[in-house]
Amino acid sequence: MFSAVSNLGAGGLSDITLSDTSNGVLYGCFAVTGLVSGGICNLLGPRLTLFIGTLGYALYVGSLWCYQTQHTGWFVIFAGAILGVSAALLWSAQGSIMMSYPLEKDKGKAFAVFWAIFQFGSFIGSIIALAINIRDGQLSAVSTSTYIAFVVIILVGVASSFLVLPPNRVIRSDGTIVKLEAVSKPHEEVVGMIKLLKDWRMLALVPMFFASNYFYAYQGAVNAGRFDGPTRALNATLEGAGAIVGALMIGYFVLDLKYLHRRNRGYLGLAVAAVLVIVVWAVALAWQVTFTREDVANGTANKINYHDSNYKGKGALYFFFYFSDACYQALAYWIMSALTNDPFKLARYAGLYKALQSAGSAGSFGMDAVMTPYLNEHLASWLMLLASFPLAYLVVRTIKETNYEDEAVVYVDDVRREHAEEGTAPPPYGGASVEKTDSIEKGSTSEVAPELPAA
């Protein structure tokens, strides 16, 4: 829903400067909190972390609503800071769940489903903006009823966080439970974070993490500068569609392709993302050299409407901007999830990823705020993306066929059978019945012992 509000033009506000200031504070707080949010998630558990993380979104949209009625600009900036902190918690918990709860063969699909739902919010917001633009010819500010609807939907999301199971109670689809503690301990998080920062694979992925959102500022600036209101909304709709299709494509048909070994799936995903980035950004460069920021400022470059003949190809470009972005984000998450199945480690990975990603976002929006030439922004974004691929390749080379041998795993049916024989009640592990498969997964070397998981 935050994505939906963002697509309503400056968060639906009539004051673009206020919106930019609030977003700058938001991403700054996001970057700082992201460094420790994985540890906080491990200490609190995913349920409480998700609850706290989603509250900030309700407060932020509420502040926009309050500004529309009371003109409290300070509240919007304050809510942006709170949201930056809470969003880091949300994304760390989300990343841990998405990367550790599925079976290894389903991790690409897990990202695809998540990203499609996530981007559907952006898609909804852009459709609303498109409808308002077509009706009124412009979008200056959003009605109070729209904000109320968004707050209600967000509060439903806040409540749904209590439905999430902690990792030690999750039964995977093959009937196995991973023996874990419910939460981590403070000293374990300190040691874990030190190990994370000393891991060369994480250092090699820093350029990919930093570059993963850097280009949003450039794409948004060009969209705002070269297109009129209805066409900007149409482009945003195409962006949401491209992101959804791209995530489903790479998640289901590339990263989880069952005919290939896991490392080869990583190589294929890397190749797909690299080719898309090269082709899409090369096409964008061919268009970018035909105008400058000065041309936009002085009116030399006229704003394009979707009815104009020169709009041909521009909508497709914005579709594939976000199609390729989804593939790039999927690759980053899949690589992290292929390094370990440990939800505590993956929470730290996700926190570091979002911290560096937010730092890149803050830098790119700062670059755009000082009126950097469009071409410079384009080349900076593109070159960072290209530079990340060779380093990501080095990390993919280290991916093992499976990480199951690193886990202590039992079958839930074995636990229940043992308790039935002893006449004791088994611990509650979510569902009432689970079908057991013959093995944890093809290629796994885990020994399955009929013993109780740690509580």
Protein backbone atom coordinates (compact mmCIF):
# COMPACT_ATOMS: atom_id res chain seq x y z
CA MET A 1 0.00 0.00 0.00
CA PHE A 2 2.98 2.31 0.50
CA SER A 3 3.88 1.59 -3.13
CA ALA A 4 0.31 2.39 -4.13
CA VAL A 5 0.41 5.75 -2.32
CA SER A 6 3.81 6.55 -3.84
CA ASN A 7 2.39 6.04 -7.32
CA LEU A 8 -0.30 8.65 -6.64
CA GLY A 9 2.26 11.38 -7.32
CA ALA A 10 4.43 12.66 -4.44
CA GLY A 11 2.63 10.27 -2.11
CA GLY A 12 -0.65 11.92 -3.07
CA LEU A 13 0.51 15.24 -1.61
CA SER A 14 0.17 18.57 -3.36
CA ASP A 15 3.53 19.67 -1.87
CA ILE A 16 6.25 17.77 -3.79
CA THR A 17 9.08 19.31 -1.72
CA LEU A 18 7.53 18.01 1.49
CA SER A 19 7.17 14.55 -0.04
CA ASP A 20 10.83 14.53 -1.17
CA THR A 21 12.01 15.65 2.28
CA SER A 22 9.96 12.97 4.01
CA ASN A 23 11.27 10.27 1.66
CA GLY A 24 14.85 11.42 2.19
CA VAL A 25 14.46 11.09 5.97
CA LEU A 26 12.70 7.76 5.49
CA TYR A 27 15.49 6.16 3.45
CA GLY A 28 18.19 7.57 5.72
CA CYS A 29 16.60 5.99 8.79
CA PHE A 30 15.94 2.82 6.77
CA ALA A 31 19.63 2.47 5.87
CA VAL A 32 20.87 2.96 9.44
CA THR A 33 18.29 0.65 11.05
CA GLY A 34 18.80 -2.02 8.39
CA LEU A 35 22.27 -2.73 9.76
CA VAL A 36 20.78 -4.06 13.02
CA SER A 37 17.23 -4.97 11.97
CA GLY A 38 18.15 -8.60 11.24
CA GLY A 39 19.43 -9.01 14.79
CA ILE A 40 16.31 -7.36 16.21
CA CYS A 41 14.15 -9.75 14.18
CA ASN A 42 16.08 -12.73 15.56
CA LEU A 43 15.70 -11.48 19.12
CA LEU A 44 11.98 -10.65 18.89
CA GLY A 45 10.91 -13.34 16.46
CA PRO A 46 9.20 -12.74 13.08
CA ARG A 47 5.68 -12.30 14.46
CA LEU A 48 6.41 -9.37 16.76
CA THR A 49 8.92 -7.90 14.28
CA LEU A 50 6.32 -7.92 11.49
CA PHE A 51 3.76 -6.34 13.80
CA ILE A 52 6.07 -3.47 14.77
CA GLY A 53 7.31 -3.14 11.19
CA THR A 54 3.85 -2.73 9.69
CA LEU A 55 2.70 -0.15 12.24
CA GLY A 56 4.97 2.48 10.68
CA TYR A 57 3.15 2.19 7.35
CA ALA A 58 -0.21 2.91 8.98
CA LEU A 59 1.29 5.93 10.75
CA TYR A 60 2.81 7.26 7.52
CA VAL A 61 -0.37 7.03 5.45
CA GLY A 62 -2.24 8.51 8.42
CA SER A 63 0.18 11.47 8.40
CA LEU A 64 -0.59 12.09 4.71
CA TRP A 65 -4.28 12.03 5.53
CA CYS A 66 -3.67 14.43 8.44
CA TYR A 67 -1.72 16.78 6.17
CA GLN A 68 -4.61 16.92 3.71
CA THR A 69 -6.95 18.10 6.48
CA GLN A 70 -4.68 19.92 8.99
CA HIS A 71 -1.57 20.83 6.91
CA THR A 72 0.78 19.32 9.50
CA GLY A 73 3.96 19.08 7.45
CA TRP A 74 6.14 18.23 10.47
CA PHE A 75 4.04 15.14 11.12
CA VAL A 76 4.69 13.82 7.60
CA ILE A 77 8.46 14.15 8.10
CA PHE A 78 8.27 12.58 11.58
CA ALA A 79 6.18 9.69 10.24
CA GLY A 80 8.73 9.23 7.45
CA ALA A 81 11.49 8.78 10.05
CA ILE A 82 9.39 6.28 12.04
CA LEU A 83 8.54 4.41 8.85
CA GLY A 84 12.24 4.17 7.95
CA VAL A 85 12.91 2.38 11.24
CA SER A 86 9.85 0.12 11.07
CA ALA A 87 10.31 -0.71 7.38
CA ALA A 88 13.78 -2.07 8.10
CA LEU A 89 12.22 -4.43 10.65
CA LEU A 90 9.47 -5.49 8.26
CA TRP A 91 11.84 -6.23 5.39
CA SER A 92 14.28 -8.18 7.57
CA ALA A 93 11.49 -10.40 8.88
CA GLN A 94 10.00 -10.75 5.41
CA GLY A 95 13.37 -11.66 3.91
CA SER A 96 14.03 -14.27 6.58
CA ILE A 97 10.62 -15.88 6.10
CA MET A 98 10.74 -15.80 2.30
CA MET A 99 14.26 -17.21 2.08
CA SER A 100 14.23 -19.81 4.89
CA TYR A 101 10.70 -21.24 5.20
CA PRO A 102 10.33 -22.77 1.67
CA LEU A 103 12.12 -25.89 0.49
CA GLU A 104 15.28 -25.22 -1.50
CA LYS A 105 13.55 -26.21 -4.73
CA ASP A 106 10.83 -23.58 -4.13
CA LYS A 107 12.85 -20.51 -3.13
CA GLY A 108 12.55 -18.87 -6.54
CA LYS A 109 8.79 -19.41 -6.48
CA ALA A 110 8.60 -17.93 -2.98
CA PHE A 111 10.21 -14.73 -4.24
CA ALA A 112 7.93 -14.69 -7.30
CA VAL A 113 4.78 -14.90 -5.18
CA PHE A 114 6.02 -12.29 -2.72
CA TRP A 115 7.17 -9.83 -5.41
CA ALA A 116 3.94 -10.22 -7.39
CA ILE A 117 1.85 -9.41 -4.28
CA PHE A 118 4.19 -6.56 -3.31
CA GLN A 119 4.08 -4.99 -6.77
CA PHE A 120 0.32 -5.48 -7.01
CA GLY A 121 0.01 -2.65 -4.49
CA SER A 122 1.99 -0.40 -6.81
CA PHE A 123 -0.16 -1.61 -9.70
CA ILE A 124 -3.37 -0.69 -7.82
CA GLY A 125 -2.07 2.79 -6.98
CA SER A 126 -1.07 3.48 -10.57
CA ILE A 127 -4.48 2.40 -11.86
CA ILE A 128 -6.14 4.79 -9.38
CA ALA A 129 -3.83 7.58 -10.52
CA LEU A 130 -4.53 6.75 -14.17
CA ALA A 131 -8.29 6.85 -13.62
CA ILE A 132 -8.10 10.20 -11.80
CA ASN A 133 -5.82 11.65 -14.48
CA ILE A 134 -8.03 10.57 -17.34
CA ARG A 135 -11.08 12.01 -15.57
CA ASP A 136 -9.59 15.28 -14.32
CA GLY A 137 -6.61 15.74 -16.63
CA GLN A 138 -4.21 15.98 -13.68
CA LEU A 139 -3.46 14.56 -10.26
CA SER A 140 -2.66 17.16 -7.61
CA ALA A 141 -3.84 15.66 -4.33
CA VAL A 142 -5.72 12.56 -3.24
CA SER A 143 -9.09 12.56 -1.53
CA THR A 144 -9.50 11.75 2.16
CA SER A 145 -11.54 8.64 1.37
CA THR A 146 -8.60 7.18 -0.56
CA TYR A 147 -6.30 7.56 2.45
CA ILE A 148 -8.92 6.02 4.75
CA ALA A 149 -9.19 2.98 2.46
CA PHE A 150 -5.41 2.55 2.44
CA VAL A 151 -5.16 2.85 6.26
CA VAL A 152 -7.86 0.18 6.70
CA ILE A 153 -6.06 -2.21 4.33
CA ILE A 154 -2.75 -1.61 6.13
CA LEU A 155 -4.34 -2.29 9.53
CA VAL A 156 -5.59 -5.62 8.20
CA GLY A 157 -1.97 -6.35 7.27
CA VAL A 158 -0.85 -5.34 10.75
CA ALA A 159 -3.30 -7.79 12.32
CA SER A 160 -2.31 -10.58 9.93
CA SER A 161 1.27 -10.51 11.24
CA PHE A 162 0.09 -12.54 14.26
CA LEU A 163 -0.77 -15.44 11.93
CA VAL A 164 2.91 -16.02 11.13
CA LEU A 165 4.59 -18.96 12.84
CA PRO A 166 8.07 -18.70 14.37
CA PRO A 167 10.72 -20.70 12.46
CA ASN A 168 10.94 -23.49 15.07
CA ARG A 169 7.25 -24.32 14.51
CA VAL A 170 7.21 -24.33 10.71
CA ILE A 171 6.49 -27.65 9.00
CA ARG A 172 7.90 -27.65 5.49
CA SER A 173 5.89 -29.15 2.66
CA ASP A 174 7.93 -32.40 2.83
CA GLY A 175 6.90 -32.94 6.45
CA THR A 176 10.13 -31.86 8.12
CA ILE A 177 10.84 -29.51 11.01
CA VAL A 178 14.16 -27.75 11.46
CA LYS A 179 15.49 -27.95 15.01
CA LEU A 180 15.88 -24.32 16.06
CA GLU A 181 15.46 -22.12 19.07
CA ALA A 182 12.42 -19.83 18.93
CA VAL A 183 14.57 -16.69 19.15
CA SER A 184 18.24 -15.79 19.20
CA LYS A 185 20.29 -14.28 22.05
CA PRO A 186 21.97 -10.84 22.10
CA HIS A 187 25.54 -12.16 22.21
CA GLU A 188 24.76 -14.54 19.34
CA GLU A 189 23.60 -11.61 17.25
CA VAL A 190 26.77 -9.62 17.94
CA VAL A 191 28.94 -12.58 16.94
CA GLY A 192 26.70 -13.29 13.93
CA MET A 193 26.95 -9.71 12.68
CA ILE A 194 30.74 -9.73 13.00
CA LYS A 195 30.92 -12.97 11.03
CA LEU A 196 28.57 -11.51 8.42
CA LEU A 197 30.78 -8.48 7.86
CA LYS A 198 33.86 -10.74 7.57
CA ASP A 199 32.25 -13.05 4.99
CA TRP A 200 33.85 -12.30 1.60
CA ARG A 201 30.69 -13.44 -0.19
CA MET A 202 28.63 -10.73 1.49
CA LEU A 203 31.31 -8.16 0.67
CA ALA A 204 31.26 -9.31 -2.96
CA LEU A 205 27.50 -8.76 -3.06
CA VAL A 206 27.72 -5.19 -1.70
CA PRO A 207 27.71 -3.61 -5.23
CA MET A 208 24.60 -5.64 -6.14
CA PHE A 209 22.84 -4.61 -2.93
CA PHE A 210 23.75 -0.94 -3.38
CA ALA A 211 22.75 -0.83 -7.05
CA SER A 212 19.45 -2.69 -6.66
CA ASN A 213 17.32 0.45 -6.10
CA TYR A 214 19.69 3.14 -7.29
CA PHE A 215 18.03 3.54 -10.69
CA TYR A 216 14.55 4.33 -9.36
CA ALA A 217 15.36 8.03 -8.98
CA TYR A 218 16.51 8.33 -12.60
CA GLN A 219 13.54 6.43 -14.01
CA GLY A 220 11.11 8.48 -11.92
CA ALA A 221 12.76 11.78 -12.89
CA VAL A 222 12.55 11.00 -16.61
CA ASN A 223 8.97 9.82 -16.24
CA ALA A 224 8.03 13.08 -14.50
CA GLY A 225 10.02 15.29 -16.89
CA ARG A 226 9.11 13.81 -20.28
CA PHE A 227 5.47 12.69 -19.88
CA ASP A 228 2.22 14.41 -18.98
CA GLY A 229 0.05 13.32 -16.04
CA PRO A 230 -2.09 10.60 -17.67
CA THR A 231 0.94 9.13 -19.43
CA ARG A 232 3.01 9.06 -16.22
CA ALA A 233 0.19 7.11 -14.60
CA LEU A 234 0.05 4.77 -17.60
CA ASN A 235 3.81 4.20 -17.38
CA ALA A 236 3.46 3.43 -13.67
CA THR A 237 0.78 0.87 -14.50
CA LEU A 238 3.10 -0.74 -17.04
CA GLU A 239 5.89 -0.74 -14.45
CA GLY A 240 3.74 -2.69 -11.99
CA ALA A 241 2.72 -5.16 -14.70
CA GLY A 242 6.33 -5.61 -15.80
CA ALA A 243 7.48 -6.26 -12.24
CA ILE A 244 4.79 -8.89 -11.65
CA VAL A 245 5.42 -10.72 -14.95
CA GLY A 246 9.20 -10.56 -14.53
CA ALA A 247 9.12 -11.98 -11.00
CA LEU A 248 6.82 -14.86 -11.96
CA MET A 249 8.91 -15.64 -15.03
CA ILE A 250 12.33 -15.83 -13.37
CA GLY A 251 11.03 -17.38 -10.16
CA TYR A 252 9.12 -20.24 -11.75
CA PHE A 253 10.95 -20.86 -15.01
CA VAL A 254 14.60 -19.99 -14.29
CA LEU A 255 15.67 -20.07 -10.65
CA ASP A 256 13.55 -23.13 -9.77
CA LEU A 257 14.05 -25.00 -13.05
CA LYS A 258 14.08 -28.61 -11.83
CA TYR A 259 16.09 -29.96 -14.77
CA LEU A 260 19.25 -28.10 -13.74
CA HIS A 261 21.55 -28.41 -10.76
CA ARG A 262 21.24 -25.53 -8.32
CA ARG A 263 24.49 -23.79 -9.24
CA ASN A 264 23.58 -23.98 -12.93
CA ARG A 265 20.22 -22.38 -12.13
CA GLY A 266 22.18 -19.56 -10.51
CA TYR A 267 24.33 -19.18 -13.62
CA LEU A 268 21.19 -19.13 -15.80
CA GLY A 269 19.52 -16.52 -13.59
CA LEU A 270 22.69 -14.41 -13.68
CA ALA A 271 22.78 -14.63 -17.48
CA VAL A 272 19.09 -13.70 -17.84
CA ALA A 273 19.45 -10.69 -15.54
CA ALA A 274 22.67 -9.53 -17.25
CA VAL A 275 21.21 -9.76 -20.75
CA LEU A 276 18.08 -7.88 -19.71
CA VAL A 277 20.09 -5.12 -18.02
CA ILE A 278 22.36 -4.72 -21.06
CA VAL A 279 19.56 -4.67 -23.64
CA VAL A 280 16.99 -2.58 -21.74
CA TRP A 281 19.47 0.07 -20.59
CA ALA A 282 21.09 0.24 -24.03
CA VAL A 283 17.68 1.01 -25.53
CA ALA A 284 17.13 3.61 -22.80
CA LEU A 285 20.51 5.18 -23.59
CA ALA A 286 19.59 5.49 -27.27
CA TRP A 287 16.56 7.54 -26.22
CA GLN A 288 18.33 9.44 -23.44
CA VAL A 289 20.94 10.99 -25.75
CA THR A 290 18.15 12.74 -27.67
CA PHE A 291 17.32 15.15 -24.80
CA THR A 292 18.81 16.67 -21.64
CA ARG A 293 17.52 17.92 -18.33
CA GLU A 294 17.92 21.48 -19.63
CA ASP A 295 15.67 20.63 -22.60
CA VAL A 296 13.00 19.51 -20.16
CA ALA A 297 13.41 22.57 -17.93
CA ASN A 298 13.14 25.15 -20.73
CA GLY A 299 10.36 23.34 -22.57
CA THR A 300 12.42 22.36 -25.63
CA ALA A 301 11.53 18.72 -24.98
CA ASN A 302 7.74 18.67 -25.06
CA LYS A 303 5.85 16.42 -22.67
CA ILE A 304 4.71 13.24 -24.37
CA ASN A 305 1.12 11.97 -24.27
CA TYR A 306 0.26 8.32 -24.86
CA HIS A 307 -1.74 9.37 -27.93
CA ASP A 308 1.36 10.91 -29.55
CA SER A 309 3.20 9.02 -32.27
CA ASN A 310 6.55 9.41 -30.47
CA TYR A 311 5.20 7.52 -27.45
CA LYS A 312 5.72 4.26 -29.34
CA GLY A 313 8.23 2.13 -27.48
CA LYS A 314 8.34 4.33 -24.39
CA GLY A 315 5.63 2.35 -22.60
CA ALA A 316 7.44 -0.88 -23.47
CA LEU A 317 10.66 0.61 -22.09
CA TYR A 318 9.05 1.30 -18.73
CA PHE A 319 7.50 -2.18 -18.71
CA PHE A 320 10.91 -3.77 -19.24
CA PHE A 321 12.64 -1.40 -16.80
CA TYR A 322 10.66 -3.09 -14.06
CA PHE A 323 10.64 -6.53 -15.69
CA SER A 324 14.45 -6.50 -15.56
CA ASP A 325 14.38 -4.99 -12.06
CA ALA A 326 12.27 -7.91 -10.80
CA CYS A 327 14.75 -10.39 -12.30
CA TYR A 328 17.66 -8.53 -10.70
CA GLN A 329 16.00 -8.44 -7.27
CA ALA A 330 15.04 -12.12 -7.58
CA LEU A 331 18.64 -13.03 -8.35
CA ALA A 332 19.93 -11.13 -5.30
CA TYR A 333 17.44 -12.82 -2.96
CA TRP A 334 17.97 -16.26 -4.52
CA ILE A 335 21.76 -16.03 -4.11
CA MET A 336 21.40 -15.13 -0.44
CA SER A 337 18.89 -17.92 0.15
CA ALA A 338 21.17 -20.44 -1.60
CA LEU A 339 24.04 -19.71 0.80
CA THR A 340 22.17 -21.00 3.87
CA ASN A 341 18.77 -22.15 5.12
CA ASP A 342 19.32 -20.70 8.60
CA PRO A 343 16.51 -18.16 9.25
CA PHE A 344 18.68 -16.22 11.72
CA LYS A 345 21.51 -15.79 9.20
CA LEU A 346 19.05 -14.93 6.46
CA ALA A 347 17.44 -12.24 8.64
CA ARG A 348 20.89 -10.64 8.97
CA TYR A 349 21.47 -11.00 5.22
CA ALA A 350 18.12 -9.34 4.49
CA GLY A 351 18.86 -6.50 6.91
CA LEU A 352 22.24 -5.80 5.31
CA TYR A 353 20.68 -6.01 1.84
CA LYS A 354 17.98 -3.47 2.66
CA ALA A 355 20.45 -1.18 4.49
CA LEU A 356 22.74 -0.94 1.47
CA GLN A 357 19.80 -0.76 -0.93
CA SER A 358 18.31 2.15 1.01
CA ALA A 359 21.69 3.89 1.14
CA GLY A 360 21.81 3.61 -2.65
CA SER A 361 18.29 5.00 -2.92
CA ALA A 362 19.15 7.94 -0.68
CA GLY A 363 22.25 8.66 -2.76
CA SER A 364 20.42 8.49 -6.06
CA PHE A 365 17.60 10.76 -4.91
CA GLY A 366 20.22 13.19 -3.61
CA MET A 367 21.95 13.05 -6.98
CA ASP A 368 18.69 13.83 -8.72
CA ALA A 369 17.80 16.62 -6.25
CA VAL A 370 20.85 18.66 -7.30
CA MET A 371 19.74 18.48 -10.94
CA THR A 372 22.44 16.08 -12.14
CA PRO A 373 22.23 15.61 -15.93
CA TYR A 374 19.97 12.73 -16.91
CA LEU A 375 22.76 11.08 -18.90
CA ASN A 376 25.05 11.04 -15.86
CA GLU A 377 22.33 9.45 -13.75
CA HIS A 378 21.66 6.88 -16.45
CA LEU A 379 25.30 5.90 -16.81
CA ALA A 380 25.87 5.78 -13.05
CA SER A 381 22.88 3.46 -12.59
CA TRP A 382 23.78 1.24 -15.54
CA LEU A 383 27.49 0.91 -14.75
CA MET A 384 26.78 -0.06 -11.14
CA LEU A 385 24.42 -2.77 -12.32
CA LEU A 386 26.99 -4.11 -14.79
CA ALA A 387 29.82 -4.02 -12.24
CA SER A 388 27.80 -6.15 -9.82
CA PHE A 389 27.50 -9.17 -12.14
CA PRO A 390 31.13 -10.44 -12.14
CA LEU A 391 31.22 -10.29 -8.33
CA ALA A 392 27.86 -12.03 -8.09
CA TYR A 393 29.25 -14.74 -10.40
CA LEU A 394 32.05 -15.43 -7.92
CA VAL A 395 29.48 -15.96 -5.17
CA VAL A 396 27.28 -18.21 -7.35
CA ARG A 397 30.33 -20.42 -7.93
CA THR A 398 30.36 -21.26 -4.20
CA ILE A 399 26.71 -22.39 -4.03
CA LYS A 400 26.30 -26.00 -2.94
CA GLU A 401 23.70 -28.37 -4.35
CA THR A 402 21.99 -28.41 -0.95
CA ASN A 403 22.41 -26.98 2.55
CA TYR A 404 20.21 -29.57 4.21
CA GLU A 405 23.19 -31.44 5.63
CA ASP A 406 23.92 -28.35 7.74
CA GLU A 407 20.52 -28.59 9.44
CA ALA A 408 19.25 -30.78 12.27
CA VAL A 409 15.98 -32.05 10.78
CA VAL A 410 13.23 -34.40 11.96
CA TYR A 411 9.96 -35.54 10.43
CA VAL A 412 6.88 -34.29 12.23
CA ASP A 413 5.17 -37.67 11.72
CA ASP A 414 8.06 -39.40 13.52
CA VAL A 415 7.71 -36.99 16.44
CA ARG A 416 3.97 -37.62 16.68
CA ARG A 417 4.41 -41.39 16.36
CA GLU A 418 6.97 -41.41 19.18
CA HIS A 419 4.66 -39.41 21.44
CA ALA A 420 1.75 -41.70 20.58
CA GLU A 421 3.79 -44.73 21.61
CA GLU A 422 4.79 -43.02 24.85
CA GLY A 423 1.25 -41.79 25.51
CA THR A 424 2.30 -38.12 25.69
CA ALA A 425 0.98 -35.14 23.78
CA PRO A 426 3.17 -33.87 20.91
CA PRO A 427 4.09 -30.17 20.79
CA PRO A 428 1.91 -27.95 18.56
CA TYR A 429 3.57 -27.59 15.16
CA GLY A 430 0.95 -25.70 13.20
CA GLY A 431 -1.08 -28.15 11.08
CA ALA A 432 -2.85 -31.22 12.42
CA SER A 433 -1.60 -33.64 9.77
CA VAL A 434 1.34 -33.65 7.44
CA GLU A 435 2.19 -36.10 4.69
CA LYS A 436 5.75 -37.42 4.84
CA THR A 437 7.81 -37.74 1.68
CA ASP A 438 10.50 -40.39 1.14
CA SER A 439 13.35 -37.90 1.44
CA ILE A 440 13.94 -34.34 2.43
CA GLU A 441 14.90 -33.46 -1.09
CA LYS A 442 16.84 -35.02 -3.90
CA GLY A 443 20.52 -34.56 -3.17
CA SER A 444 20.09 -34.12 0.59
CA THR A 445 22.43 -36.07 2.86
CA SER A 446 20.68 -35.19 6.13
CA GLU A 447 20.14 -37.94 8.65
CA VAL A 448 16.62 -37.89 9.98
CA ALA A 449 16.37 -38.92 13.62
CA PRO A 450 13.05 -39.42 15.45
CA GLU A 451 13.71 -36.98 18.27
CA LEU A 452 12.03 -33.85 19.56
CA PRO A 453 12.99 -30.49 18.08
CA ALA A 454 14.28 -27.88 20.48
CA ALA A 455 11.43 -25.81 21.91
